[in-house]
Amino acid sequence: EVQLVESGGGSVQAGGSLRLSCKYLYSQAPHTRFCMGWFRQAPGKEREGVAAIDSDGEVDYADSVSGRFSVSNDNAKRTLFLQMDNLKPEDSAMYYCAAEWVYCSPGYLLKQGPSKYNGRGYWGQGTQVTVSS
C-alpha cells in the first residue's frame, strides 16, 4: 500500500514559480526499484505526463515543460518534488503525483501512467495550479 499526498499548488502570475511536493508513505518497500512522476489535467483536455523520475535518478519531461520544470526525489524524506519556473497560463491544471511500485522507465510512466494492478500503480489526490496572465 502506497499513499501519495501532494501539496504546494496555488495561484501565481505568469512568469512566477511554484514548488510542488508529494510525500509518499508506504508499508511495503518496492520489490526492486520504482518510478514516480507528475501528471496534469485541465478541464476539457487530455491528461498529460509532465515529469518523471526513477529510483536511480533518471528523469524525463514533456516537451511542453522541458527547461522550465525540474523533478527531483528525496529518498530519505520520502518526498517527490516538482519545481516549476517561468509558469505560463497553459500550465494551469490539476497536478497529480503518481507512483509505479515496480521498475519502470520515466518515459514509460509519462506515456502510460501507473499500472492499474493492485500493489503496483498509485495516484495522489491532486493539487491545483492556476497561472494568470
Protein backbone atom coordinates (compact mmCIF):
# COMPACT_ATOMS: atom_id res chain seq x y z
CA GLU A 1 0.00 0.00 0.00
CA VAL A 2 1.31 3.42 -1.01
CA GLN A 3 -0.25 6.75 -0.11
CA LEU A 4 0.68 9.88 -2.07
CA VAL A 5 -0.03 13.32 -0.61
CA GLU A 6 0.52 16.37 -2.82
CA SER A 7 0.91 19.95 -1.66
CA GLY A 8 2.26 23.27 -2.89
CA GLY A 9 -0.30 24.23 -5.50
CA GLY A 10 -1.67 27.72 -5.70
CA SER A 11 -2.30 30.76 -7.85
CA VAL A 12 0.56 32.72 -9.42
CA GLN A 13 1.11 35.21 -12.20
CA ALA A 14 2.71 34.22 -15.48
CA GLY A 15 6.46 34.04 -15.10
CA GLY A 16 6.23 33.03 -11.47
CA SER A 17 7.27 29.82 -9.76
CA LEU A 18 5.76 27.09 -7.63
CA ARG A 19 7.24 24.04 -5.94
CA LEU A 20 5.01 21.01 -5.60
CA SER A 21 5.67 18.27 -3.08
CA CYS A 22 4.46 14.69 -2.96
CA LYS A 23 5.07 12.73 0.21
CA TYR A 24 4.95 9.01 -0.41
CA LEU A 25 4.04 6.82 2.53
CA TYR A 26 4.28 3.07 2.32
CA SER A 27 4.16 -0.03 4.45
CA GLN A 28 5.97 -2.21 1.92
CA ALA A 29 9.10 -1.09 0.10
CA PRO A 30 9.35 -1.53 -3.67
CA HIS A 31 10.30 -5.02 -4.70
CA THR A 32 13.33 -3.71 -6.58
CA ARG A 33 13.08 -0.13 -7.83
CA PHE A 34 10.28 2.33 -8.51
CA CYS A 35 9.29 5.18 -10.76
CA MET A 36 7.36 8.32 -9.84
CA GLY A 37 6.04 11.28 -11.74
CA TRP A 38 3.73 14.23 -12.11
CA PHE A 39 0.68 14.41 -14.35
CA ARG A 40 -1.71 17.24 -15.04
CA GLN A 41 -5.17 17.65 -16.46
CA ALA A 42 -7.03 20.82 -17.33
CA PRO A 43 -10.79 20.99 -17.99
CA GLY A 44 -11.61 19.68 -21.46
CA LYS A 45 -8.09 18.47 -22.10
CA GLU A 46 -6.35 15.12 -22.09
CA ARG A 47 -4.23 14.03 -19.17
CA GLU A 48 -0.59 14.89 -19.76
CA GLY A 49 2.50 13.33 -18.28
CA VAL A 50 4.68 16.21 -17.10
CA ALA A 51 7.81 14.85 -15.47
CA ALA A 52 9.02 11.54 -14.10
CA ILE A 53 11.98 10.10 -12.25
CA ASP A 54 13.04 6.62 -11.26
CA SER A 55 14.75 5.46 -8.09
CA ASP A 56 18.15 5.71 -9.81
CA GLY A 57 17.64 9.38 -10.64
CA GLU A 58 16.90 9.11 -14.36
CA VAL A 59 14.35 11.71 -15.49
CA ASP A 60 12.07 12.51 -18.39
CA TYR A 61 9.94 15.56 -19.22
CA ALA A 62 7.16 16.54 -21.52
CA ASP A 63 8.38 18.79 -24.32
CA SER A 64 5.97 21.49 -23.16
CA VAL A 65 7.76 21.90 -19.81
CA SER A 66 11.34 20.99 -20.68
CA GLY A 67 13.73 23.67 -19.48
CA ARG A 68 11.17 25.17 -17.11
CA PHE A 69 10.27 22.31 -14.76
CA SER A 70 12.56 20.09 -12.72
CA VAL A 71 11.64 16.89 -10.90
CA SER A 72 13.64 15.51 -8.00
CA ASN A 73 13.32 12.89 -5.30
CA ASP A 74 14.47 12.91 -1.69
CA ASN A 75 14.55 9.26 -0.73
CA ALA A 76 15.39 9.97 2.91
CA LYS A 77 12.36 12.23 3.33
CA ARG A 78 10.22 10.12 1.01
CA THR A 79 9.21 13.21 -0.92
CA LEU A 80 8.97 13.89 -4.64
CA PHE A 81 9.28 17.50 -5.82
CA LEU A 82 8.35 19.41 -8.94
CA GLN A 83 10.00 22.81 -9.27
CA MET A 84 8.04 24.88 -11.78
CA ASP A 85 9.64 28.07 -13.07
CA ASN A 86 8.55 30.58 -15.70
CA LEU A 87 4.97 29.40 -15.42
CA LYS A 88 2.57 30.05 -18.27
CA PRO A 89 -1.23 30.24 -18.27
CA GLU A 90 -1.33 26.99 -20.24
CA ASP A 91 0.32 25.28 -17.26
CA SER A 92 -2.89 25.77 -15.27
CA ALA A 93 -4.25 22.36 -14.32
CA MET A 94 -4.81 19.91 -11.53
CA TYR A 95 -1.45 18.27 -10.87
CA TYR A 96 -1.30 14.68 -9.68
CA CYS A 97 1.53 12.67 -8.23
CA ALA A 98 1.80 9.06 -9.33
CA ALA A 99 3.96 6.09 -8.46
CA GLU A 100 4.76 2.79 -10.12
CA TRP A 101 5.91 0.49 -7.34
CA VAL A 102 7.91 -1.73 -9.64
CA TYR A 103 10.68 -0.79 -12.00
CA CYS A 104 9.68 1.32 -14.97
CA SER A 105 11.36 3.91 -17.13
CA PRO A 106 10.36 7.55 -16.60
CA GLY A 107 9.35 7.79 -20.26
CA TYR A 108 7.13 4.76 -19.87
CA LEU A 109 5.41 6.26 -16.84
CA LEU A 110 4.71 9.55 -18.63
CA LYS A 111 3.19 7.75 -21.60
CA GLN A 112 1.23 5.00 -19.84
CA GLY A 113 0.57 6.26 -16.32
CA PRO A 114 0.85 3.99 -13.31
CA SER A 115 -0.33 0.41 -13.51
CA LYS A 116 -3.92 -0.36 -12.59
CA TYR A 117 -2.84 -3.56 -10.87
CA ASN A 118 -3.03 -3.55 -7.09
CA GLY A 119 0.34 -3.22 -5.45
CA ARG A 120 1.94 -1.53 -8.46
CA GLY A 121 0.38 1.79 -9.51
CA TYR A 122 -0.87 4.62 -7.29
CA TRP A 123 -2.31 8.12 -7.63
CA GLY A 124 -2.43 11.10 -5.29
CA GLN A 125 -5.45 13.32 -4.80
CA GLY A 126 -4.09 16.25 -6.79
CA THR A 127 -3.20 19.88 -6.15
CA GLN A 128 -4.49 22.82 -8.20
CA VAL A 129 -2.14 25.14 -10.07
CA THR A 130 -3.55 28.33 -11.56
CA VAL A 131 -1.42 30.72 -13.62
CA SER A 132 -2.87 34.10 -14.56
CA SER A 133 -1.70 36.29 -17.42
